């Protein structure tokens, strides 16, 4: 559940509408699971979407998914959804400065996510070796932030939505380079800390999580 004055979850209150892979929605699932929430999955066929057969495509304000429904409240754009849930569950730091640092950390994750997306979609195996060679320089800023914070979280003294975002992008990179954290003790400890949180741990051990691919290949 959330902290402080955060709203409590209700059964089936939320719906995530997205393609049948993790993509830009797995961070949402990490957050919801860790906060004790339940949600529905509305899975959209990748082929139907690109063939224009999905009615939702005409309703999506920017022509994109994910779509997130909180009851009757509808949101598009994954980063807007993250921030909305961050505010709702008191996962946005204790003051404006921490909130700004959380935004900064998330922007860093998104920069890395875009680079990884280009590798998966456009470069594939031909670019993998170079990407992995350059990966330490991409991970070092997150190691530095964690080294400056004794709590073990990326920003502040308690979990924030930036932590879920960072954990999820680390999972992607461990998928393509399983030893990528070996020289980053703070990132390695961070991953272990996050994955030991009971509700998140249960989700990570679930069939739903394990059976959902990173991307369609």
Protein backbone atom coordinates (compact mmCIF):
# COMPACT_ATOMS: atom_id res chain seq x y z
CA UNK A 1 0.00 0.00 0.00
CA UNK A 2 1.00 3.61 -0.25
CA UNK A 3 2.63 5.67 2.47
CA UNK A 4 1.25 8.58 4.44
CA UNK A 5 -1.91 10.01 2.89
CA UNK A 6 -1.62 7.93 -0.28
CA UNK A 7 -4.78 6.31 -1.64
CA UNK A 8 -5.38 2.62 -1.06
CA UNK A 9 -5.77 0.18 -3.91
CA UNK A 10 -9.08 -1.43 -4.71
CA UNK A 11 -9.58 -4.71 -6.53
CA UNK A 12 -9.38 -4.31 -10.32
CA UNK A 13 -9.22 -0.53 -9.97
CA UNK A 14 -6.54 -0.29 -12.64
CA UNK A 15 -6.19 -1.49 -16.22
CA UNK A 16 -2.99 -1.52 -18.26
CA UNK A 17 -3.57 -1.60 -22.02
CA UNK A 18 -0.47 -2.55 -23.94
CA UNK A 19 1.18 -5.05 -26.27
CA UNK A 20 2.00 -8.60 -25.02
CA UNK A 21 5.52 -7.72 -23.82
CA UNK A 22 7.09 -5.73 -21.00
CA UNK A 23 8.21 -2.69 -22.95
CA UNK A 24 7.29 0.59 -21.27
CA UNK A 25 4.75 -0.88 -18.86
CA UNK A 26 6.80 -3.19 -16.63
CA UNK A 27 7.84 -0.32 -14.37
CA UNK A 28 4.13 0.31 -13.75
CA UNK A 29 3.66 -3.32 -12.77
CA UNK A 30 6.65 -3.18 -10.40
CA UNK A 31 5.17 -0.12 -8.69
CA UNK A 32 1.63 -1.48 -8.48
CA UNK A 33 2.75 -4.88 -7.22
CA UNK A 34 5.03 -3.36 -4.57
CA UNK A 35 2.21 -1.09 -3.40
CA UNK A 36 -0.13 -4.07 -2.98
CA UNK A 37 -2.37 -3.20 -5.93
CA UNK A 38 -4.21 -5.43 -8.35
CA UNK A 39 -4.78 -4.58 -11.99
CA UNK A 40 -6.26 -5.93 -15.19
CA UNK A 41 -4.30 -6.51 -18.38
CA UNK A 42 -5.88 -5.50 -21.67
CA UNK A 43 -3.51 -7.02 -24.23
CA UNK A 44 -3.43 -5.51 -27.72
CA UNK A 45 -2.19 -7.54 -30.68
CA UNK A 46 0.89 -5.92 -32.17
CA UNK A 47 -0.20 -7.00 -35.65
CA UNK A 48 -3.75 -5.66 -35.26
CA UNK A 49 -2.47 -2.35 -33.91
CA UNK A 50 -0.17 -1.73 -36.86
CA UNK A 51 -2.82 -2.88 -39.31
CA UNK A 52 -5.19 -0.24 -37.91
CA UNK A 53 -7.68 -2.82 -36.67
CA UNK A 54 -7.75 -1.59 -33.06
CA UNK A 55 -10.45 0.95 -32.26
CA UNK A 56 -8.35 2.27 -29.38
CA UNK A 57 -5.79 3.61 -31.86
CA UNK A 58 -8.28 6.26 -32.94
CA UNK A 59 -8.96 7.24 -29.32
CA UNK A 60 -5.35 7.38 -28.15
CA UNK A 61 -4.68 11.10 -27.98
CA UNK A 62 -1.12 10.77 -29.30
CA UNK A 63 -1.78 7.62 -31.30
CA UNK A 64 0.25 5.52 -28.86
CA UNK A 65 -0.11 3.10 -25.99
CA UNK A 66 0.26 2.23 -23.13
CA UNK A 67 -3.08 3.39 -21.86
CA UNK A 68 -3.66 3.36 -18.12
CA UNK A 69 -7.10 3.45 -16.54
CA UNK A 70 -7.69 4.36 -12.90
CA UNK A 71 -11.41 3.71 -12.81
CA UNK A 72 -12.86 6.26 -15.24
CA UNK A 73 -9.66 8.31 -15.34
CA UNK A 74 -7.61 7.58 -18.48
CA UNK A 75 -3.97 8.44 -19.09
CA UNK A 76 -1.62 7.97 -22.02
CA UNK A 77 2.18 8.45 -22.15
CA UNK A 78 4.15 6.12 -19.91
CA UNK A 79 6.16 8.81 -18.11
CA UNK A 80 2.99 10.73 -17.23
CA UNK A 81 1.53 7.51 -15.82
CA UNK A 82 4.68 6.92 -13.71
CA UNK A 83 4.50 10.43 -12.28
CA UNK A 84 0.77 10.15 -11.57
CA UNK A 85 1.26 6.96 -9.58
CA UNK A 86 4.33 8.43 -7.93
CA UNK A 87 2.23 11.27 -6.55
CA UNK A 88 -0.71 9.04 -5.68
CA UNK A 89 1.36 6.62 -3.60
CA UNK A 90 3.74 9.13 -2.03
CA UNK A 91 6.66 7.86 -4.12
CA UNK A 92 7.86 11.29 -5.23
CA UNK A 93 10.25 12.26 -2.44
CA UNK A 94 9.70 14.32 0.71
CA UNK A 95 10.01 17.78 -0.86
CA UNK A 96 10.36 19.60 -4.17
CA UNK A 97 14.13 19.13 -4.30
CA UNK A 98 13.86 15.38 -3.89
CA UNK A 99 11.08 15.33 -6.49
CA UNK A 100 13.36 17.15 -8.92
CA UNK A 101 16.19 14.67 -8.25
CA UNK A 102 13.77 11.78 -8.80
CA UNK A 103 12.79 13.33 -12.13
CA UNK A 104 16.49 13.70 -12.97
CA UNK A 105 17.18 10.03 -12.20
CA UNK A 106 14.16 8.93 -14.23
CA UNK A 107 15.25 11.08 -17.18
CA UNK A 108 18.62 9.34 -17.02
CA UNK A 109 16.89 5.96 -17.08
CA UNK A 110 14.77 7.05 -20.05
CA UNK A 111 17.86 8.16 -21.97
CA UNK A 112 19.31 4.70 -21.40
CA UNK A 113 16.00 3.06 -22.34
CA UNK A 114 15.98 4.89 -25.68
CA UNK A 115 19.51 3.65 -26.45
CA UNK A 116 18.50 0.10 -25.59
CA UNK A 117 15.35 0.39 -27.70
CA UNK A 118 17.42 1.43 -30.70
CA UNK A 119 19.68 -1.56 -30.15
CA UNK A 120 16.77 -4.01 -30.00
CA UNK A 121 14.74 -2.55 -32.85
CA UNK A 122 17.29 -1.20 -35.32
CA UNK A 123 20.71 -2.69 -34.64
CA UNK A 124 20.12 -6.15 -33.19
CA UNK A 125 23.07 -8.51 -32.93
CA UNK A 126 25.27 -6.31 -35.13
CA UNK A 127 25.34 -3.55 -32.52
CA UNK A 128 25.28 -5.64 -29.37
CA UNK A 129 29.03 -6.00 -28.81
CA UNK A 130 29.65 -2.25 -29.11
CA UNK A 131 26.67 -1.47 -26.86
CA UNK A 132 27.90 -3.84 -24.14
CA UNK A 133 31.42 -2.42 -24.43
CA UNK A 134 30.06 1.08 -23.78
CA UNK A 135 27.58 0.02 -21.11
CA UNK A 136 29.80 0.69 -18.05
CA UNK A 137 29.90 4.38 -18.91
CA UNK A 138 26.10 4.38 -19.09
CA UNK A 139 25.69 2.65 -15.71
CA UNK A 140 28.31 4.70 -13.85
CA UNK A 141 26.05 7.74 -13.16
CA UNK A 142 23.53 5.50 -11.37
CA UNK A 143 26.30 3.87 -9.37
CA UNK A 144 27.46 7.35 -8.36
CA UNK A 145 24.00 8.44 -7.25
CA UNK A 146 23.58 5.29 -5.17
CA UNK A 147 27.04 5.70 -3.62
CA UNK A 148 26.00 9.14 -2.36
CA UNK A 149 22.81 7.87 -0.70
CA UNK A 150 23.14 5.71 2.41
CA UNK A 151 19.53 4.48 2.21
CA UNK A 152 20.28 2.18 -0.73
CA UNK A 153 17.61 3.87 -2.84
CA UNK A 154 18.49 6.04 -5.82
CA UNK A 155 17.12 9.24 -4.23
CA UNK A 156 15.99 9.98 -0.69
CA UNK A 157 15.40 7.79 2.35
CA UNK A 158 12.51 5.67 1.03
CA UNK A 159 11.46 4.00 -2.18
CA UNK A 160 10.42 6.25 -5.05
CA UNK A 161 9.06 5.56 -8.49
CA UNK A 162 12.58 6.17 -9.82
CA UNK A 163 13.67 2.98 -8.04
CA UNK A 164 11.16 0.86 -9.94
CA UNK A 165 12.25 2.49 -13.18
CA UNK A 166 15.93 1.83 -12.49
CA UNK A 167 15.32 -1.78 -11.44
CA UNK A 168 13.39 -2.49 -14.61
CA UNK A 169 16.08 -1.09 -16.93
CA UNK A 170 18.72 -3.09 -15.03
CA UNK A 171 16.72 -6.25 -15.74
CA UNK A 172 16.80 -5.41 -19.44
CA UNK A 173 20.56 -5.00 -19.39
CA UNK A 174 21.16 -8.15 -17.38
CA UNK A 175 19.20 -9.95 -20.08
CA UNK A 176 21.76 -8.97 -22.72
CA UNK A 177 24.85 -8.77 -20.48
CA UNK A 178 24.43 -10.91 -17.38
CA UNK A 179 27.72 -9.73 -15.82
CA UNK A 180 27.13 -6.02 -16.36
CA UNK A 181 26.78 -5.24 -12.63
CA UNK A 182 29.88 -7.08 -11.48
CA UNK A 183 31.93 -3.89 -11.18
CA UNK A 184 29.08 -1.84 -9.71
CA UNK A 185 28.60 -2.87 -6.07
CA UNK A 186 26.01 -0.20 -5.28
CA UNK A 187 23.86 -1.11 -8.28
CA UNK A 188 24.16 -4.78 -7.39
CA UNK A 189 23.12 -4.09 -3.78
CA UNK A 190 20.28 -1.88 -5.02
CA UNK A 191 18.94 -4.66 -7.22
CA UNK A 192 19.06 -7.13 -4.33
CA UNK A 193 17.39 -4.63 -1.99
CA UNK A 194 14.52 -3.94 -4.38
CA UNK A 195 13.99 -7.59 -5.28
CA UNK A 196 13.80 -8.52 -1.58
CA UNK A 197 10.74 -6.31 -0.99
CA UNK A 198 8.08 -8.96 -0.22
CA UNK A 199 5.29 -7.89 -2.59
CA UNK A 200 7.64 -7.09 -5.44
CA UNK A 201 9.48 -10.36 -4.85
CA UNK A 202 6.21 -12.27 -5.13
CA UNK A 203 5.42 -10.56 -8.43
CA UNK A 204 8.89 -11.29 -9.82
CA UNK A 205 8.35 -14.95 -9.00
CA UNK A 206 4.92 -15.05 -10.67
CA UNK A 207 4.15 -16.77 -13.96
CA UNK A 208 2.68 -13.54 -15.33
CA UNK A 209 6.03 -11.83 -14.97
CA UNK A 210 8.19 -14.72 -16.13
CA UNK A 211 6.04 -15.45 -19.18
CA UNK A 212 5.95 -11.85 -20.45
CA UNK A 213 8.88 -11.26 -22.85
CA UNK A 214 10.96 -8.08 -22.85
CA UNK A 215 10.00 -7.44 -26.47
CA UNK A 216 8.46 -9.44 -29.28
CA UNK A 217 11.17 -11.07 -31.35
